Amino acid sequence: MNPEKLPSVYVTYDTRRKVWVLMFDYKLSLPVDKRERIDVSIPAGFEFDLASIPRPIWPLIGSFELSLVAPLIHDYFYQYTGRPVYHRRILDNLPVPAGSWHDVSRAEADRLFLSLMLREGVTSWKSHAAYRAVRLFAPRW
């Protein structure tokens, strides 16, 4: 487990639309499996569901028990099917900094989800249960 502290995540909940909204840009440099580190830059305003845990499971594992960082990064990878880095620049037709475009597979995104939960201090059994659930039930890309 890496002792390096992860930056805090600040979110708000839009009750009308039932989504979590990132309040400030979130930047992080992460290793993905045994490859080089990739830079993840998630813009303020990004919307995500935190963790899609069915209501009957809540007594065992609640959405907030899986950290904020892990679901944020995982949902970002999933929303952009493994190609999330600097998407705003691409959409706005701006140059993308050299070395910033990396493809991340679904399996890598899921393993990173597990790694971030463990790094954030989520108990091992909850982290592994959430990891198995995304491997089995999350949409394929």
C-alpha atoms as a PDB file:
ATOM      1  CA  MET A   1       0.000   0.000   0.000  1.00  0.00           C
ATOM      2  CA  ASN A   2       1.373   3.404  -0.961  1.00  0.00           C
ATOM      3  CA  PRO A   3       1.709   5.792   2.019  1.00  0.00           C
ATOM      4  CA  GLU A   4       1.342   8.863  -0.216  1.00  0.00           C
ATOM      5  CA  LYS A   5      -1.823  10.730   0.814  1.00  0.00           C
ATOM      6  CA  LEU A   6      -4.379  11.273  -1.913  1.00  0.00           C
ATOM      7  CA  PRO A   7      -5.805  14.758  -2.484  1.00  0.00           C
ATOM      8  CA  SER A   8      -9.199  15.388  -0.903  1.00  0.00           C
ATOM      9  CA  VAL A   9     -12.314  15.214  -3.058  1.00  0.00           C
ATOM     10  CA  TYR A  10     -15.016  17.857  -2.650  1.00  0.00           C
ATOM     11  CA  VAL A  11     -18.473  16.997  -3.925  1.00  0.00           C
ATOM     12  CA  THR A  12     -22.037  18.146  -3.562  1.00  0.00           C
ATOM     13  CA  TYR A  13     -25.243  16.256  -4.192  1.00  0.00           C
ATOM     14  CA  ASP A  14     -27.805  17.517  -6.696  1.00  0.00           C
ATOM     15  CA  THR A  15     -31.012  16.240  -5.089  1.00  0.00           C
ATOM     16  CA  ARG A  16     -33.154  17.187  -8.065  1.00  0.00           C
ATOM     17  CA  ARG A  17     -31.125  15.101 -10.528  1.00  0.00           C
ATOM     18  CA  LYS A  18     -29.801  12.586  -7.952  1.00  0.00           C
ATOM     19  CA  VAL A  19     -26.146  12.875  -8.948  1.00  0.00           C
ATOM     20  CA  TRP A  20     -22.938  13.772  -7.153  1.00  0.00           C
ATOM     21  CA  VAL A  21     -21.103  16.761  -8.619  1.00  0.00           C
ATOM     22  CA  LEU A  22     -17.375  17.413  -8.281  1.00  0.00           C
ATOM     23  CA  MET A  23     -16.960  20.937  -6.892  1.00  0.00           C
ATOM     24  CA  PHE A  24     -13.295  21.565  -7.837  1.00  0.00           C
ATOM     25  CA  ASP A  25     -10.949  20.159 -10.475  1.00  0.00           C
ATOM     26  CA  TYR A  26      -9.346  16.936  -9.280  1.00  0.00           C
ATOM     27  CA  LYS A  27      -5.894  15.951 -10.499  1.00  0.00           C
ATOM     28  CA  LEU A  28      -4.003  12.816  -9.686  1.00  0.00           C
ATOM     29  CA  SER A  29      -1.073  10.891 -11.128  1.00  0.00           C
ATOM     30  CA  LEU A  30      -1.581   7.147 -10.806  1.00  0.00           C
ATOM     31  CA  PRO A  31       0.168   3.938 -11.768  1.00  0.00           C
ATOM     32  CA  VAL A  32      -2.027   1.668 -13.866  1.00  0.00           C
ATOM     33  CA  ASP A  33      -0.953  -1.915 -13.310  1.00  0.00           C
ATOM     34  CA  LYS A  34       2.731  -2.168 -14.133  1.00  0.00           C
ATOM     35  CA  ARG A  35       2.689   0.582 -16.756  1.00  0.00           C
ATOM     36  CA  GLU A  36       3.816   4.159 -16.401  1.00  0.00           C
ATOM     37  CA  ARG A  37       1.851   6.617 -14.333  1.00  0.00           C
ATOM     38  CA  ILE A  38      -0.991   8.428 -16.026  1.00  0.00           C
ATOM     39  CA  ASP A  39      -2.318  11.847 -15.182  1.00  0.00           C
ATOM     40  CA  VAL A  40      -6.020  12.031 -14.460  1.00  0.00           C
ATOM     41  CA  SER A  41      -7.553  15.484 -14.624  1.00  0.00           C
ATOM     42  CA  ILE A  42     -11.255  15.563 -13.766  1.00  0.00           C
ATOM     43  CA  PRO A  43     -12.935  18.938 -14.237  1.00  0.00           C
ATOM     44  CA  ALA A  44     -15.207  20.573 -11.692  1.00  0.00           C
ATOM     45  CA  GLY A  45     -18.809  19.839 -12.587  1.00  0.00           C
ATOM     46  CA  PHE A  46     -18.183  16.159 -13.405  1.00  0.00           C
ATOM     47  CA  GLU A  47     -21.277  14.184 -12.392  1.00  0.00           C
ATOM     48  CA  PHE A  48     -21.174  10.654 -11.040  1.00  0.00           C
ATOM     49  CA  ASP A  49     -23.241   8.258  -8.955  1.00  0.00           C
ATOM     50  CA  LEU A  50     -20.556   7.588  -6.294  1.00  0.00           C
ATOM     51  CA  ALA A  51     -21.225   3.843  -6.017  1.00  0.00           C
ATOM     52  CA  SER A  52     -24.206   1.972  -7.419  1.00  0.00           C
ATOM     53  CA  ILE A  53     -24.983  -0.282  -4.509  1.00  0.00           C
ATOM     54  CA  PRO A  54     -28.458  -1.822  -4.473  1.00  0.00           C
ATOM     55  CA  ARG A  55     -30.545  -0.672  -1.494  1.00  0.00           C
ATOM     56  CA  PRO A  56     -30.858  -4.172   0.093  1.00  0.00           C
ATOM     57  CA  ILE A  57     -27.025  -4.281   0.374  1.00  0.00           C
ATOM     58  CA  TRP A  58     -26.749  -0.922   2.216  1.00  0.00           C
ATOM     59  CA  PRO A  59     -26.730  -2.482   5.707  1.00  0.00           C
ATOM     60  CA  LEU A  60     -23.526  -4.315   4.689  1.00  0.00           C
ATOM     61  CA  ILE A  61     -21.858  -1.773   2.368  1.00  0.00           C
ATOM     62  CA  GLY A  62     -22.948   1.822   1.884  1.00  0.00           C
ATOM     63  CA  SER A  63     -21.838   4.089  -0.959  1.00  0.00           C
ATOM     64  CA  PHE A  64     -19.844   6.346   1.364  1.00  0.00           C
ATOM     65  CA  GLU A  65     -17.914   3.419   2.789  1.00  0.00           C
ATOM     66  CA  LEU A  66     -15.933   2.953  -0.431  1.00  0.00           C
ATOM     67  CA  SER A  67     -14.143   6.337  -0.183  1.00  0.00           C
ATOM     68  CA  LEU A  68     -14.736   9.254  -2.535  1.00  0.00           C
ATOM     69  CA  VAL A  69     -11.571   8.967  -4.616  1.00  0.00           C
ATOM     70  CA  ALA A  70     -12.074   5.367  -5.779  1.00  0.00           C
ATOM     71  CA  PRO A  71     -15.643   5.782  -7.105  1.00  0.00           C
ATOM     72  CA  LEU A  72     -14.788   9.181  -8.640  1.00  0.00           C
ATOM     73  CA  ILE A  73     -11.811   7.856 -10.623  1.00  0.00           C
ATOM     74  CA  HIS A  74     -13.636   4.628 -11.521  1.00  0.00           C
ATOM     75  CA  ASP A  75     -16.754   6.441 -12.747  1.00  0.00           C
ATOM     76  CA  TYR A  76     -14.604   8.856 -14.751  1.00  0.00           C
ATOM     77  CA  PHE A  77     -12.838   5.997 -16.527  1.00  0.00           C
ATOM     78  CA  TYR A  78     -16.151   4.296 -17.184  1.00  0.00           C
ATOM     79  CA  GLN A  79     -17.859   7.418 -18.498  1.00  0.00           C
ATOM     80  CA  TYR A  80     -15.085   7.914 -21.054  1.00  0.00           C
ATOM     81  CA  THR A  81     -14.528   4.183 -21.711  1.00  0.00           C
ATOM     82  CA  GLY A  82     -10.904   4.228 -20.680  1.00  0.00           C
ATOM     83  CA  ARG A  83      -9.938   7.423 -22.500  1.00  0.00           C
ATOM     84  CA  PRO A  84     -10.655  10.136 -19.933  1.00  0.00           C
ATOM     85  CA  VAL A  85      -7.529  12.242 -19.835  1.00  0.00           C
ATOM     86  CA  TYR A  86      -7.978  15.855 -20.913  1.00  0.00           C
ATOM     87  CA  HIS A  87     -11.310  15.123 -22.606  1.00  0.00           C
ATOM     88  CA  ARG A  88     -12.299  18.775 -22.204  1.00  0.00           C
ATOM     89  CA  ARG A  89      -9.305  19.853 -24.302  1.00  0.00           C
ATOM     90  CA  ILE A  90     -10.214  17.344 -26.981  1.00  0.00           C
ATOM     91  CA  LEU A  91     -13.856  18.446 -27.043  1.00  0.00           C
ATOM     92  CA  ASP A  92     -12.809  22.114 -27.195  1.00  0.00           C
ATOM     93  CA  ASN A  93     -10.360  21.354 -30.022  1.00  0.00           C
ATOM     94  CA  LEU A  94      -7.349  22.405 -27.925  1.00  0.00           C
ATOM     95  CA  PRO A  95      -3.953  20.710 -28.111  1.00  0.00           C
ATOM     96  CA  VAL A  96      -3.476  17.775 -25.799  1.00  0.00           C
ATOM     97  CA  PRO A  97      -0.171  17.826 -23.863  1.00  0.00           C
ATOM     98  CA  ALA A  98       2.348  15.245 -25.053  1.00  0.00           C
ATOM     99  CA  GLY A  99       2.131  11.950 -23.202  1.00  0.00           C
ATOM    100  CA  SER A 100      -1.313  12.644 -21.783  1.00  0.00           C
ATOM    101  CA  TRP A 101      -3.380  10.276 -23.912  1.00  0.00           C
ATOM    102  CA  HIS A 102      -3.550   6.792 -22.477  1.00  0.00           C
ATOM    103  CA  ASP A 103      -6.048   4.040 -22.944  1.00  0.00           C
ATOM    104  CA  VAL A 104      -7.073   2.255 -19.771  1.00  0.00           C
ATOM    105  CA  SER A 105      -8.831  -1.077 -20.085  1.00  0.00           C
ATOM    106  CA  ARG A 106     -11.964  -1.899 -18.127  1.00  0.00           C
ATOM    107  CA  ALA A 107      -9.985  -4.479 -16.120  1.00  0.00           C
ATOM    108  CA  GLU A 108      -7.300  -1.886 -15.309  1.00  0.00           C
ATOM    109  CA  ALA A 109      -9.961   0.625 -14.215  1.00  0.00           C
ATOM    110  CA  ASP A 110     -11.507  -2.016 -11.959  1.00  0.00           C
ATOM    111  CA  ARG A 111      -8.144  -2.999 -10.434  1.00  0.00           C
ATOM    112  CA  LEU A 112      -7.395   0.674  -9.833  1.00  0.00           C
ATOM    113  CA  PHE A 113     -10.789   0.980  -8.088  1.00  0.00           C
ATOM    114  CA  LEU A 114      -9.736  -1.837  -5.739  1.00  0.00           C
ATOM    115  CA  SER A 115      -6.284  -0.365  -5.164  1.00  0.00           C
ATOM    116  CA  LEU A 116      -7.659   3.100  -4.362  1.00  0.00           C
ATOM    117  CA  MET A 117     -10.232   1.724  -1.920  1.00  0.00           C
ATOM    118  CA  LEU A 118      -7.531  -0.193  -0.049  1.00  0.00           C
ATOM    119  CA  ARG A 119      -5.223   2.834  -0.106  1.00  0.00           C
ATOM    120  CA  GLU A 120      -8.029   4.972   1.330  1.00  0.00           C
ATOM    121  CA  GLY A 121      -8.470   2.555   4.241  1.00  0.00           C
ATOM    122  CA  VAL A 122     -11.649   0.769   3.144  1.00  0.00           C
ATOM    123  CA  THR A 123     -11.733  -2.643   4.815  1.00  0.00           C
ATOM    124  CA  SER A 124     -10.374  -5.467   2.722  1.00  0.00           C
ATOM    125  CA  TRP A 125     -13.621  -7.470   2.558  1.00  0.00           C
ATOM    126  CA  LYS A 126     -15.673  -4.416   1.470  1.00  0.00           C
ATOM    127  CA  SER A 127     -13.055  -3.420  -1.114  1.00  0.00           C
ATOM    128  CA  HIS A 128     -12.928  -6.908  -2.584  1.00  0.00           C
ATOM    129  CA  ALA A 129     -16.721  -7.273  -2.555  1.00  0.00           C
ATOM    130  CA  ALA A 130     -17.109  -3.961  -4.428  1.00  0.00           C
ATOM    131  CA  TYR A 131     -14.372  -4.989  -6.862  1.00  0.00           C
ATOM    132  CA  ARG A 132     -16.066  -8.332  -7.577  1.00  0.00           C
ATOM    133  CA  ALA A 133     -19.393  -6.567  -8.062  1.00  0.00           C
ATOM    134  CA  VAL A 134     -18.011  -4.192 -10.717  1.00  0.00           C
ATOM    135  CA  ARG A 135     -16.238  -7.058 -12.457  1.00  0.00           C
ATOM    136  CA  LEU A 136     -19.504  -9.006 -12.612  1.00  0.00           C
ATOM    137  CA  PHE A 137     -22.171  -6.334 -13.082  1.00  0.00           C
ATOM    138  CA  ALA A 138     -20.668  -3.089 -14.406  1.00  0.00           C
ATOM    139  CA  PRO A 139     -21.253  -2.278 -18.089  1.00  0.00           C
ATOM    140  CA  ARG A 140     -18.685  -3.640 -20.541  1.00  0.00           C
ATOM    141  CA  TRP A 141     -16.854  -1.402 -22.953  1.00  0.00           C
END
